[in-house]
Structures are given as C-alpha cells and as structure tokens.
Amino acid sequence: MTSNEKEKLLYEVMEQHGDYLKRLIYTYVKELQKTEDLVQEVFIKFYKSLDAFEGRSSTKTYLYRIAVNECQNYLKSWHYKKFEVTEKMKNWLKRESLELDILQQEQSKSIGQLVNSLPTKYREVIWLHYYVELSITEIAEVLKCSPNTVKTRLVRGRKLAKITIEEGELEYEY
C-alpha cells in the first residue's frame, strides 16, 4: 500500500468513525481532553499498522479494538489512578449543600449517565451494541471474547441498569 493510499484511507476512516470513537472512548475515560488525545493515538496506531492489517475483520471493528485497548491501557496507568484519587477527593470536599445532591440525583437519571455508571464490562457492550450499532459478532471481535459472553453481558448490563428494550426504544425505571 502506497503512502498516498494509506493517507486517503486514514482520512476516510477519520471522517466515518471519528465521532463514534470519541463517544466510545469518552465512556471509558470521562474526560474530554484525554478523550481527544486517545482518539488521536488510535488513528496514529491505525495508520502505522495498516501494512500489517490483514482484513480479517472490518476496518470499523479493527479501529474499535485499537480504541478499547488504548482505553484499557490508560485506565491501568499511574496517571489515571492518580487523577481518579484526586477527583474523588475534590468530589468529597465539594459536598456542600443538599441542593447540589438533589440536582446530581436528577441528572443521574438520564440513560447516558445510567449506562456510564455501569461496570466497564457491561458499559462497553451496551455502548457498542446500542450507540455504535455493532453486531454481537463484531462486539465479540472487538472485545476478544465469545458471542455468548457478549450476549450475557448485554442481559446483565440491562438488568443492572434496569433498562428494558421494547420495540426499539430504551425505557428505564427510577
């Protein structure tokens, strides 16, 4: 593959999947600046690995696999752990008023926040299935697990978040 072909493919992929990657990565890191950094890292790794890409999966699946790996690496890093402790301390010190707590409870009722509050293994499956619209098989490829594991995590994630799917709409209980 020539350099021009690689660049053309990179631009196409960035245009098609950039927003989805941002959303996916944000569900992991929950920090906008770090999300943008990780999206760039994903595209850099994608570009560098184009010669090794065998095409056994779709480009979309390949990109999402890189993104999930980057997120997991970041969440294991010392930088993230230090950041997480700092944020928890800030939140603990901010608990000043009852009004703030009530507002936070009301905000936490949205579906997006409900999904984000799930443990990672359920959140990523629900996100990839409903928001990115990957099939069970594609999710299994991205997460390197069996399709049955994906199905189980979807069921447990929905149950955990009290989300029911009926006629294509998401409904949730308070």
N, C-alpha and C. Protein backbone atom coordinates (compact mmCIF):
# COMPACT_ATOMS: atom_id res chain seq x y z
N MET A 1 0.85 -1.17 0.00
CA MET A 1 0.00 0.00 0.00
C MET A 1 0.90 1.24 0.00
N THR A 2 0.64 2.13 -0.93
CA THR A 2 1.47 3.33 -1.01
C THR A 2 1.09 4.32 0.09
N SER A 3 1.97 5.27 0.28
CA SER A 3 1.76 6.28 1.31
C SER A 3 0.49 7.10 1.03
N ASN A 4 0.28 7.44 -0.23
CA ASN A 4 -0.93 8.20 -0.60
C ASN A 4 -2.21 7.41 -0.33
N GLU A 5 -2.17 6.11 -0.63
CA GLU A 5 -3.34 5.27 -0.38
C GLU A 5 -3.62 5.17 1.11
N LYS A 6 -2.55 5.03 1.90
CA LYS A 6 -2.72 4.96 3.35
C LYS A 6 -3.32 6.25 3.90
N GLU A 7 -2.84 7.37 3.42
CA GLU A 7 -3.37 8.66 3.89
C GLU A 7 -4.82 8.85 3.49
N LYS A 8 -5.16 8.45 2.28
CA LYS A 8 -6.53 8.56 1.81
C LYS A 8 -7.46 7.69 2.67
N LEU A 9 -7.03 6.46 2.94
CA LEU A 9 -7.82 5.56 3.78
C LEU A 9 -7.96 6.13 5.19
N LEU A 10 -6.88 6.69 5.71
CA LEU A 10 -6.92 7.29 7.05
C LEU A 10 -7.95 8.41 7.11
N TYR A 11 -7.96 9.30 6.14
CA TYR A 11 -8.92 10.40 6.13
C TYR A 11 -10.35 9.89 6.02
N GLU A 12 -10.56 8.88 5.21
CA GLU A 12 -11.90 8.30 5.09
C GLU A 12 -12.36 7.71 6.42
N VAL A 13 -11.46 6.97 7.06
CA VAL A 13 -11.78 6.33 8.33
C VAL A 13 -12.03 7.38 9.42
N MET A 14 -11.22 8.44 9.42
CA MET A 14 -11.41 9.51 10.40
C MET A 14 -12.78 10.17 10.22
N GLU A 15 -13.16 10.37 8.98
CA GLU A 15 -14.44 11.00 8.68
C GLU A 15 -15.61 10.10 9.10
N GLN A 16 -15.50 8.81 8.80
CA GLN A 16 -16.59 7.88 9.07
C GLN A 16 -16.72 7.53 10.55
N HIS A 17 -15.61 7.33 11.23
CA HIS A 17 -15.65 6.75 12.57
C HIS A 17 -15.16 7.66 13.69
N GLY A 18 -14.73 8.86 13.37
CA GLY A 18 -14.17 9.76 14.37
C GLY A 18 -15.11 10.07 15.52
N ASP A 19 -16.35 10.43 15.19
CA ASP A 19 -17.32 10.77 16.24
C ASP A 19 -17.67 9.56 17.10
N TYR A 20 -17.84 8.41 16.46
CA TYR A 20 -18.14 7.20 17.23
C TYR A 20 -17.00 6.84 18.17
N LEU A 21 -15.78 6.97 17.67
CA LEU A 21 -14.62 6.67 18.52
C LEU A 21 -14.57 7.61 19.71
N LYS A 22 -14.85 8.88 19.48
CA LYS A 22 -14.87 9.85 20.58
C LYS A 22 -15.86 9.43 21.66
N ARG A 23 -17.04 9.07 21.22
CA ARG A 23 -18.08 8.66 22.18
C ARG A 23 -17.67 7.41 22.94
N LEU A 24 -17.14 6.44 22.22
CA LEU A 24 -16.71 5.20 22.86
C LEU A 24 -15.63 5.47 23.89
N ILE A 25 -14.62 6.21 23.51
CA ILE A 25 -13.50 6.48 24.41
C ILE A 25 -13.96 7.32 25.59
N TYR A 26 -14.87 8.25 25.37
CA TYR A 26 -15.36 9.08 26.47
C TYR A 26 -16.07 8.23 27.53
N THR A 27 -16.75 7.16 27.10
CA THR A 27 -17.41 6.30 28.08
C THR A 27 -16.41 5.64 29.01
N TYR A 28 -15.19 5.49 28.56
CA TYR A 28 -14.15 4.90 29.40
C TYR A 28 -13.49 5.96 30.29
N VAL A 29 -13.01 7.03 29.69
CA VAL A 29 -12.15 7.97 30.42
C VAL A 29 -12.91 9.14 31.06
N LYS A 30 -14.08 9.48 30.53
CA LYS A 30 -14.94 10.53 31.08
C LYS A 30 -14.22 11.87 31.28
N GLU A 31 -13.32 12.17 30.37
CA GLU A 31 -12.58 13.43 30.39
C GLU A 31 -12.37 13.83 28.93
N LEU A 32 -12.90 14.98 28.55
CA LEU A 32 -12.91 15.38 27.15
C LEU A 32 -11.52 15.52 26.54
N GLN A 33 -10.61 16.18 27.23
CA GLN A 33 -9.26 16.39 26.70
C GLN A 33 -8.55 15.05 26.50
N LYS A 34 -8.65 14.17 27.48
CA LYS A 34 -7.99 12.86 27.36
C LYS A 34 -8.65 12.03 26.25
N THR A 35 -9.95 12.20 26.09
CA THR A 35 -10.67 11.51 25.01
C THR A 35 -10.09 11.90 23.66
N GLU A 36 -9.90 13.20 23.46
CA GLU A 36 -9.35 13.67 22.18
C GLU A 36 -7.93 13.16 21.97
N ASP A 37 -7.14 13.12 23.04
CA ASP A 37 -5.78 12.59 22.93
C ASP A 37 -5.79 11.12 22.53
N LEU A 38 -6.67 10.36 23.16
CA LEU A 38 -6.74 8.92 22.86
C LEU A 38 -7.27 8.66 21.45
N VAL A 39 -8.19 9.48 20.98
CA VAL A 39 -8.67 9.34 19.59
C VAL A 39 -7.51 9.53 18.63
N GLN A 40 -6.68 10.53 18.89
CA GLN A 40 -5.51 10.75 18.04
C GLN A 40 -4.57 9.55 18.09
N GLU A 41 -4.36 9.03 19.27
CA GLU A 41 -3.49 7.85 19.42
C GLU A 41 -4.03 6.67 18.63
N VAL A 42 -5.34 6.48 18.67
CA VAL A 42 -5.97 5.38 17.93
C VAL A 42 -5.71 5.53 16.44
N PHE A 43 -5.90 6.73 15.91
CA PHE A 43 -5.68 6.94 14.48
C PHE A 43 -4.20 6.81 14.10
N ILE A 44 -3.32 7.22 14.98
CA ILE A 44 -1.88 7.05 14.72
C ILE A 44 -1.54 5.57 14.67
N LYS A 45 -2.03 4.80 15.64
CA LYS A 45 -1.76 3.36 15.66
C LYS A 45 -2.38 2.68 14.44
N PHE A 46 -3.58 3.11 14.09
CA PHE A 46 -4.23 2.56 12.91
C PHE A 46 -3.38 2.79 11.67
N TYR A 47 -2.91 4.02 11.49
CA TYR A 47 -2.10 4.38 10.33
C TYR A 47 -0.81 3.56 10.29
N LYS A 48 -0.14 3.45 11.43
CA LYS A 48 1.12 2.71 11.49
C LYS A 48 0.94 1.21 11.24
N SER A 49 -0.24 0.70 11.58
CA SER A 49 -0.45 -0.74 11.45
C SER A 49 -1.19 -1.13 10.18
N LEU A 50 -1.41 -0.21 9.28
CA LEU A 50 -2.15 -0.52 8.06
C LEU A 50 -1.47 -1.60 7.22
N ASP A 51 -0.15 -1.60 7.18
CA ASP A 51 0.54 -2.63 6.40
C ASP A 51 0.35 -4.02 6.99
N ALA A 52 0.19 -4.10 8.31
CA ALA A 52 0.01 -5.39 8.98
C ALA A 52 -1.45 -5.81 9.03
N PHE A 53 -2.38 -4.90 8.75
CA PHE A 53 -3.81 -5.21 8.79
C PHE A 53 -4.14 -6.23 7.71
N GLU A 54 -4.64 -7.37 8.13
CA GLU A 54 -4.90 -8.48 7.20
C GLU A 54 -6.31 -8.45 6.61
N GLY A 55 -7.18 -7.64 7.16
CA GLY A 55 -8.52 -7.55 6.61
C GLY A 55 -9.44 -8.69 7.03
N ARG A 56 -9.07 -9.41 8.09
CA ARG A 56 -9.94 -10.49 8.56
C ARG A 56 -11.20 -9.96 9.23
N SER A 57 -11.17 -8.71 9.65
CA SER A 57 -12.35 -8.07 10.21
C SER A 57 -12.54 -6.74 9.47
N SER A 58 -13.65 -6.09 9.74
CA SER A 58 -13.88 -4.81 9.08
C SER A 58 -12.96 -3.75 9.68
N THR A 59 -12.78 -2.66 8.94
CA THR A 59 -11.96 -1.55 9.42
C THR A 59 -12.55 -0.99 10.71
N LYS A 60 -13.87 -0.93 10.77
CA LYS A 60 -14.57 -0.42 11.94
C LYS A 60 -14.24 -1.26 13.18
N THR A 61 -14.32 -2.56 13.03
CA THR A 61 -14.01 -3.46 14.14
C THR A 61 -12.56 -3.32 14.56
N TYR A 62 -11.67 -3.22 13.60
CA TYR A 62 -10.23 -3.06 13.86
C TYR A 62 -9.97 -1.77 14.65
N LEU A 63 -10.59 -0.69 14.23
CA LEU A 63 -10.45 0.60 14.93
C LEU A 63 -10.97 0.52 16.35
N TYR A 64 -12.12 -0.10 16.53
CA TYR A 64 -12.71 -0.20 17.86
C TYR A 64 -11.86 -1.08 18.77
N ARG A 65 -11.23 -2.09 18.21
CA ARG A 65 -10.34 -2.94 19.02
C ARG A 65 -9.15 -2.11 19.50
N ILE A 66 -8.57 -1.31 18.61
CA ILE A 66 -7.46 -0.44 18.99
C ILE A 66 -7.92 0.54 20.08
N ALA A 67 -9.10 1.11 19.91
CA ALA A 67 -9.63 2.08 20.87
C ALA A 67 -9.84 1.46 22.25
N VAL A 68 -10.44 0.29 22.28
CA VAL A 68 -10.67 -0.39 23.56
C VAL A 68 -9.34 -0.70 24.24
N ASN A 69 -8.36 -1.17 23.47
CA ASN A 69 -7.03 -1.44 24.05
C ASN A 69 -6.39 -0.18 24.61
N GLU A 70 -6.48 0.91 23.87
CA GLU A 70 -5.91 2.17 24.34
C GLU A 70 -6.59 2.63 25.64
N CYS A 71 -7.89 2.50 25.69
CA CYS A 71 -8.63 2.90 26.90
C CYS A 71 -8.24 2.03 28.09
N GLN A 72 -8.16 0.74 27.86
CA GLN A 72 -7.79 -0.16 28.95
C GLN A 72 -6.37 0.12 29.43
N ASN A 73 -5.46 0.40 28.52
CA ASN A 73 -4.09 0.74 28.91
C ASN A 73 -4.07 2.03 29.72
N TYR A 74 -4.85 3.01 29.30
CA TYR A 74 -4.90 4.27 30.03
C TYR A 74 -5.46 4.06 31.43
N LEU A 75 -6.53 3.28 31.54
CA LEU A 75 -7.15 3.07 32.84
C LEU A 75 -6.25 2.29 33.80
N LYS A 76 -5.28 1.57 33.27
CA LYS A 76 -4.31 0.86 34.11
C LYS A 76 -3.12 1.74 34.49
N SER A 77 -2.98 2.87 33.83
CA SER A 77 -1.79 3.71 34.01
C SER A 77 -1.78 4.43 35.35
N TRP A 78 -0.58 4.80 35.77
CA TRP A 78 -0.42 5.54 37.01
C TRP A 78 -1.08 6.91 36.90
N HIS A 79 -0.98 7.56 35.77
CA HIS A 79 -1.58 8.88 35.57
C HIS A 79 -3.06 8.84 35.87
N TYR A 80 -3.76 7.84 35.36
CA TYR A 80 -5.20 7.75 35.58
C TYR A 80 -5.51 7.49 37.05
N LYS A 81 -4.80 6.59 37.66
CA LYS A 81 -5.06 6.26 39.06
C LYS A 81 -4.85 7.49 39.94
N LYS A 82 -3.82 8.26 39.65
CA LYS A 82 -3.56 9.49 40.40
C LYS A 82 -4.69 10.49 40.16
N PHE A 83 -5.12 10.62 38.93
CA PHE A 83 -6.21 11.53 38.56
C PHE A 83 -7.50 11.12 39.28
N GLU A 84 -7.79 9.82 39.28
CA GLU A 84 -9.01 9.32 39.90
C GLU A 84 -9.06 9.63 41.39
N VAL A 85 -7.96 9.42 42.09
CA VAL A 85 -7.91 9.72 43.53
C VAL A 85 -8.11 11.22 43.75
N THR A 86 -7.47 12.04 42.94
CA THR A 86 -7.61 13.49 43.06
C THR A 86 -9.06 13.92 42.85
N GLU A 87 -9.71 13.37 41.84
CA GLU A 87 -11.10 13.72 41.57
C GLU A 87 -12.02 13.28 42.70
N LYS A 88 -11.78 12.11 43.26
CA LYS A 88 -12.61 11.64 44.37
C LYS A 88 -12.46 12.57 45.58
N MET A 89 -11.25 13.02 45.81
CA MET A 89 -11.02 13.94 46.92
C MET A 89 -11.75 15.26 46.66
N LYS A 90 -11.69 15.77 45.44
CA LYS A 90 -12.38 17.01 45.10
C LYS A 90 -13.89 16.85 45.31
N ASN A 91 -14.42 15.73 44.83
CA ASN A 91 -15.86 15.49 44.97
C ASN A 91 -16.26 15.38 46.44
N TRP A 92 -15.42 14.75 47.22
CA TRP A 92 -15.71 14.59 48.64
C TRP A 92 -15.73 15.95 49.32
N LEU A 93 -14.80 16.81 48.95
CA LEU A 93 -14.73 18.14 49.56
C LEU A 93 -15.83 19.07 49.07
N LYS A 94 -16.37 18.80 47.87
CA LYS A 94 -17.40 19.66 47.29
C LYS A 94 -18.79 19.43 47.88
N ARG A 95 -19.01 18.35 48.54
CA ARG A 95 -20.35 18.02 49.05
C ARG A 95 -20.78 19.06 50.07
N GLU A 96 -21.27 20.17 49.58
CA GLU A 96 -21.59 21.29 50.46
C GLU A 96 -23.08 21.41 50.75
N SER A 97 -23.89 21.21 49.78
CA SER A 97 -25.30 21.52 50.01
C SER A 97 -26.22 20.39 49.59
N LEU A 98 -27.38 20.40 50.17
CA LEU A 98 -28.41 19.44 49.82
C LEU A 98 -28.92 19.69 48.41
N GLU A 99 -28.97 20.97 48.00
CA GLU A 99 -29.41 21.31 46.66
C GLU A 99 -28.54 20.64 45.60
N LEU A 100 -27.25 20.68 45.80
CA LEU A 100 -26.32 20.08 44.85
C LEU A 100 -26.56 18.58 44.74
N ASP A 101 -26.79 17.93 45.88
CA ASP A 101 -27.07 16.48 45.87
C ASP A 101 -28.35 16.18 45.11
N ILE A 102 -29.38 16.99 45.30
CA ILE A 102 -30.66 16.76 44.62
C ILE A 102 -30.49 16.96 43.11
N LEU A 103 -29.78 17.99 42.70
CA LEU A 103 -29.52 18.21 41.27
C LEU A 103 -28.75 17.06 40.66
N GLN A 104 -27.76 16.56 41.38
CA GLN A 104 -26.97 15.44 40.87
C GLN A 104 -27.83 14.19 40.73
N GLN A 105 -28.74 13.97 41.66
CA GLN A 105 -29.62 12.80 41.57
C GLN A 105 -30.53 12.90 40.35
N GLU A 106 -31.05 14.10 40.08
CA GLU A 106 -31.91 14.28 38.92
C GLU A 106 -31.14 14.06 37.62
N GLN A 107 -29.93 14.56 37.56
CA GLN A 107 -29.12 14.40 36.36
C GLN A 107 -28.75 12.94 36.13
N SER A 108 -28.55 12.22 37.20
CA SER A 108 -28.08 10.83 37.07
C SER A 108 -29.16 9.91 36.52
N LYS A 109 -30.37 10.44 36.32
CA LYS A 109 -31.45 9.61 35.82
C LYS A 109 -31.45 9.47 34.31
N SER A 110 -30.62 10.20 33.63
CA SER A 110 -30.60 10.08 32.16
C SER A 110 -29.98 8.75 31.76
N ILE A 111 -30.36 8.27 30.63
CA ILE A 111 -29.89 6.97 30.17
C ILE A 111 -28.38 6.95 29.98
N GLY A 112 -27.86 8.01 29.40
CA GLY A 112 -26.41 8.05 29.17
C GLY A 112 -25.63 7.93 30.46
N GLN A 113 -26.06 8.65 31.46
CA GLN A 113 -25.36 8.56 32.74
C GLN A 113 -25.60 7.22 33.40
N LEU A 114 -26.76 6.66 33.18
CA LEU A 114 -27.06 5.34 33.73
C LEU A 114 -26.11 4.30 33.13
N VAL A 115 -25.94 4.38 31.82
CA VAL A 115 -25.02 3.45 31.15
C VAL A 115 -23.58 3.70 31.61
N ASN A 116 -23.19 4.95 31.74
CA ASN A 116 -21.83 5.27 32.17
C ASN A 116 -21.53 4.82 33.59
N SER A 117 -22.56 4.64 34.38
CA SER A 117 -22.34 4.22 35.77
C SER A 117 -22.14 2.71 35.91
N LEU A 118 -22.37 1.99 34.84
CA LEU A 118 -22.21 0.53 34.88
C LEU A 118 -20.74 0.15 34.95
N PRO A 119 -20.45 -1.04 35.47
CA PRO A 119 -19.07 -1.54 35.40
C PRO A 119 -18.63 -1.62 33.94
N THR A 120 -17.35 -1.47 33.72
CA THR A 120 -16.80 -1.37 32.37
C THR A 120 -17.24 -2.51 31.45
N LYS A 121 -17.23 -3.73 31.93
CA LYS A 121 -17.54 -4.86 31.04
C LYS A 121 -18.98 -4.82 30.53
N TYR A 122 -19.90 -4.24 31.30
CA TYR A 122 -21.27 -4.09 30.83
C TYR A 122 -21.45 -2.82 30.01
N ARG A 123 -20.82 -1.75 30.47
CA ARG A 123 -20.94 -0.46 29.80
C ARG A 123 -20.43 -0.56 28.36
N GLU A 124 -19.26 -1.20 28.16
CA GLU A 124 -18.70 -1.26 26.82
C GLU A 124 -19.58 -2.06 25.87
N VAL A 125 -20.18 -3.14 26.35
CA VAL A 125 -21.03 -3.97 25.50
C VAL A 125 -22.31 -3.21 25.14
N ILE A 126 -22.93 -2.57 26.13
CA ILE A 126 -24.15 -1.80 25.85
C ILE A 126 -23.84 -0.65 24.91
N TRP A 127 -22.75 0.03 25.15
CA TRP A 127 -22.36 1.16 24.29
C TRP A 127 -22.13 0.69 22.85
N LEU A 128 -21.34 -0.36 22.68
CA LEU A 128 -21.03 -0.84 21.33
C LEU A 128 -22.28 -1.35 20.61
N HIS A 129 -23.20 -1.95 21.36
CA HIS A 129 -24.39 -2.53 20.74
C HIS A 129 -25.42 -1.46 20.37
N TYR A 130 -25.75 -0.57 21.31
CA TYR A 130 -26.84 0.38 21.08
C TYR A 130 -26.40 1.70 20.47
N TYR A 131 -25.24 2.20 20.84
CA TYR A 131 -24.82 3.51 20.35
C TYR A 131 -23.97 3.41 19.09
N VAL A 132 -23.09 2.42 19.03
CA VAL A 132 -22.23 2.25 17.86
C VAL A 132 -22.88 1.33 16.84
N GLU A 133 -23.87 0.56 17.30
CA GLU A 133 -24.64 -0.34 16.46
C GLU A 133 -23.82 -1.45 15.83
N LEU A 134 -22.91 -2.00 16.63
CA LEU A 134 -22.16 -3.17 16.18
C LEU A 134 -23.00 -4.42 16.46
N SER A 135 -22.81 -5.45 15.64
CA SER A 135 -23.50 -6.70 15.87
C SER A 135 -22.82 -7.45 17.03
N ILE A 136 -23.48 -8.48 17.50
CA ILE A 136 -22.92 -9.30 18.58
C ILE A 136 -21.57 -9.86 18.16
N THR A 137 -21.48 -10.33 16.93
CA THR A 137 -20.23 -10.91 16.42
C THR A 137 -19.13 -9.86 16.36
N GLU A 138 -19.45 -8.67 15.89
CA GLU A 138 -18.45 -7.61 15.81
C GLU A 138 -17.98 -7.19 17.21
N ILE A 139 -18.90 -7.12 18.14
CA ILE A 139 -18.52 -6.78 19.52
C ILE A 139 -17.60 -7.85 20.08
N ALA A 140 -17.91 -9.10 19.80
CA ALA A 140 -17.05 -10.20 20.27
C ALA A 140 -15.64 -10.07 19.71
N GLU A 141 -15.52 -9.67 18.45
CA GLU A 141 -14.21 -9.46 17.85
C GLU A 141 -13.47 -8.30 18.51
N VAL A 142 -14.19 -7.21 18.74
CA VAL A 142 -13.58 -6.03 19.35
C VAL A 142 -13.08 -6.34 20.75
N LEU A 143 -13.89 -7.04 21.53
CA LEU A 143 -13.56 -7.31 22.93
C LEU A 143 -12.78 -8.61 23.13
N LYS A 144 -12.55 -9.32 22.03
CA LYS A 144 -11.83 -10.60 22.09
C LYS A 144 -12.47 -11.56 23.09
N CYS A 145 -13.75 -11.79 22.89
CA CYS A 145 -14.47 -12.76 23.71
C CYS A 145 -15.50 -13.45 22.82
N SER A 146 -16.19 -14.41 23.38
CA SER A 146 -17.16 -15.16 22.56
C SER A 146 -18.47 -14.38 22.43
N PRO A 147 -19.23 -14.66 21.36
CA PRO A 147 -20.53 -14.01 21.20
C PRO A 147 -21.47 -14.27 22.38
N ASN A 148 -21.39 -15.47 22.95
CA ASN A 148 -22.23 -15.78 24.11
C ASN A 148 -21.89 -14.90 25.31
N THR A 149 -20.60 -14.60 25.48
CA THR A 149 -20.19 -13.70 26.56
C THR A 149 -20.79 -12.32 26.33
N VAL A 150 -20.78 -11.87 25.08
CA VAL A 150 -21.36 -10.56 24.75
C VAL A 150 -22.84 -10.56 25.08
N LYS A 151 -23.56 -11.61 24.69
CA LYS A 151 -24.99 -11.70 24.96
C LYS A 151 -25.27 -11.68 26.46
N THR A 152 -24.49 -12.43 27.22
CA THR A 152 -24.65 -12.48 28.67
C THR A 152 -24.42 -11.11 29.28
N ARG A 153 -23.37 -10.41 28.84
CA ARG A 153 -23.08 -9.08 29.38
C ARG A 153 -24.16 -8.08 29.02
N LEU A 154 -24.74 -8.21 27.83
CA LEU A 154 -25.85 -7.33 27.46
C LEU A 154 -27.04 -7.53 28.40
N VAL A 155 -27.39 -8.79 28.63
CA VAL A 155 -28.52 -9.08 29.52
C VAL A 155 -28.24 -8.58 30.93
N ARG A 156 -27.07 -8.88 31.44
CA ARG A 156 -26.73 -8.47 32.81
C ARG A 156 -26.61 -6.95 32.92
N GLY A 157 -26.05 -6.32 31.91
CA GLY A 157 -25.92 -4.87 31.92
C GLY A 157 -27.27 -4.19 31.92
N ARG A 158 -28.20 -4.70 31.09
CA ARG A 158 -29.55 -4.14 31.06
C ARG A 158 -30.23 -4.32 32.42
N LYS A 159 -30.07 -5.52 32.96
CA LYS A 159 -30.69 -5.81 34.25
C LYS A 159 -30.10 -4.92 35.33
N LEU A 160 -28.80 -4.77 35.31
CA LEU A 160 -28.12 -3.96 36.30
C LEU A 160 -28.56 -2.50 36.22
N ALA A 161 -28.74 -2.00 35.03
CA ALA A 161 -29.16 -0.61 34.84
C ALA A 161 -30.68 -0.47 34.84
N LYS A 162 -31.35 -1.59 34.96
CA LYS A 162 -32.82 -1.61 34.92
C LYS A 162 -33.34 -1.04 33.61
N ILE A 163 -32.65 -1.38 32.55
CA ILE A 163 -33.05 -0.93 31.22
C ILE A 163 -33.81 -2.06 30.55
N THR A 164 -34.92 -1.75 29.98
CA THR A 164 -35.65 -2.75 29.21
C THR A 164 -35.76 -2.25 27.78
N ILE A 165 -35.65 -3.15 26.86
CA ILE A 165 -35.75 -2.81 25.45
C ILE A 165 -37.10 -3.33 24.94
N GLU A 166 -37.92 -2.43 24.49
CA GLU A 166 -39.21 -2.82 23.95
C GLU A 166 -39.47 -2.05 22.67
N GLU A 167 -39.67 -2.76 21.61
CA GLU A 167 -39.98 -2.18 20.32
C GLU A 167 -38.99 -1.11 19.90
N GLY A 168 -37.69 -1.37 20.14
CA GLY A 168 -36.66 -0.48 19.67
C GLY A 168 -36.43 0.76 20.51
N GLU A 169 -37.13 0.92 21.62
CA GLU A 169 -36.95 2.11 22.46
C GLU A 169 -36.34 1.70 23.78
N LEU A 170 -35.52 2.57 24.33
CA LEU A 170 -34.95 2.37 25.64
C LEU A 170 -35.89 2.99 26.67
N GLU A 171 -36.23 2.24 27.68
CA GLU A 171 -37.01 2.76 28.78
C GLU A 171 -36.25 2.41 30.04
N TYR A 172 -36.41 3.21 31.07
CA TYR A 172 -35.71 2.90 32.29
C TYR A 172 -36.58 3.25 33.49
N GLU A 173 -36.29 2.56 34.59
CA GLU A 173 -37.02 2.78 35.84
C GLU A 173 -36.20 3.65 36.75
N TYR A 174 -36.86 4.36 37.61
CA TYR A 174 -36.16 5.16 38.62
C TYR A 174 -36.09 4.41 39.91
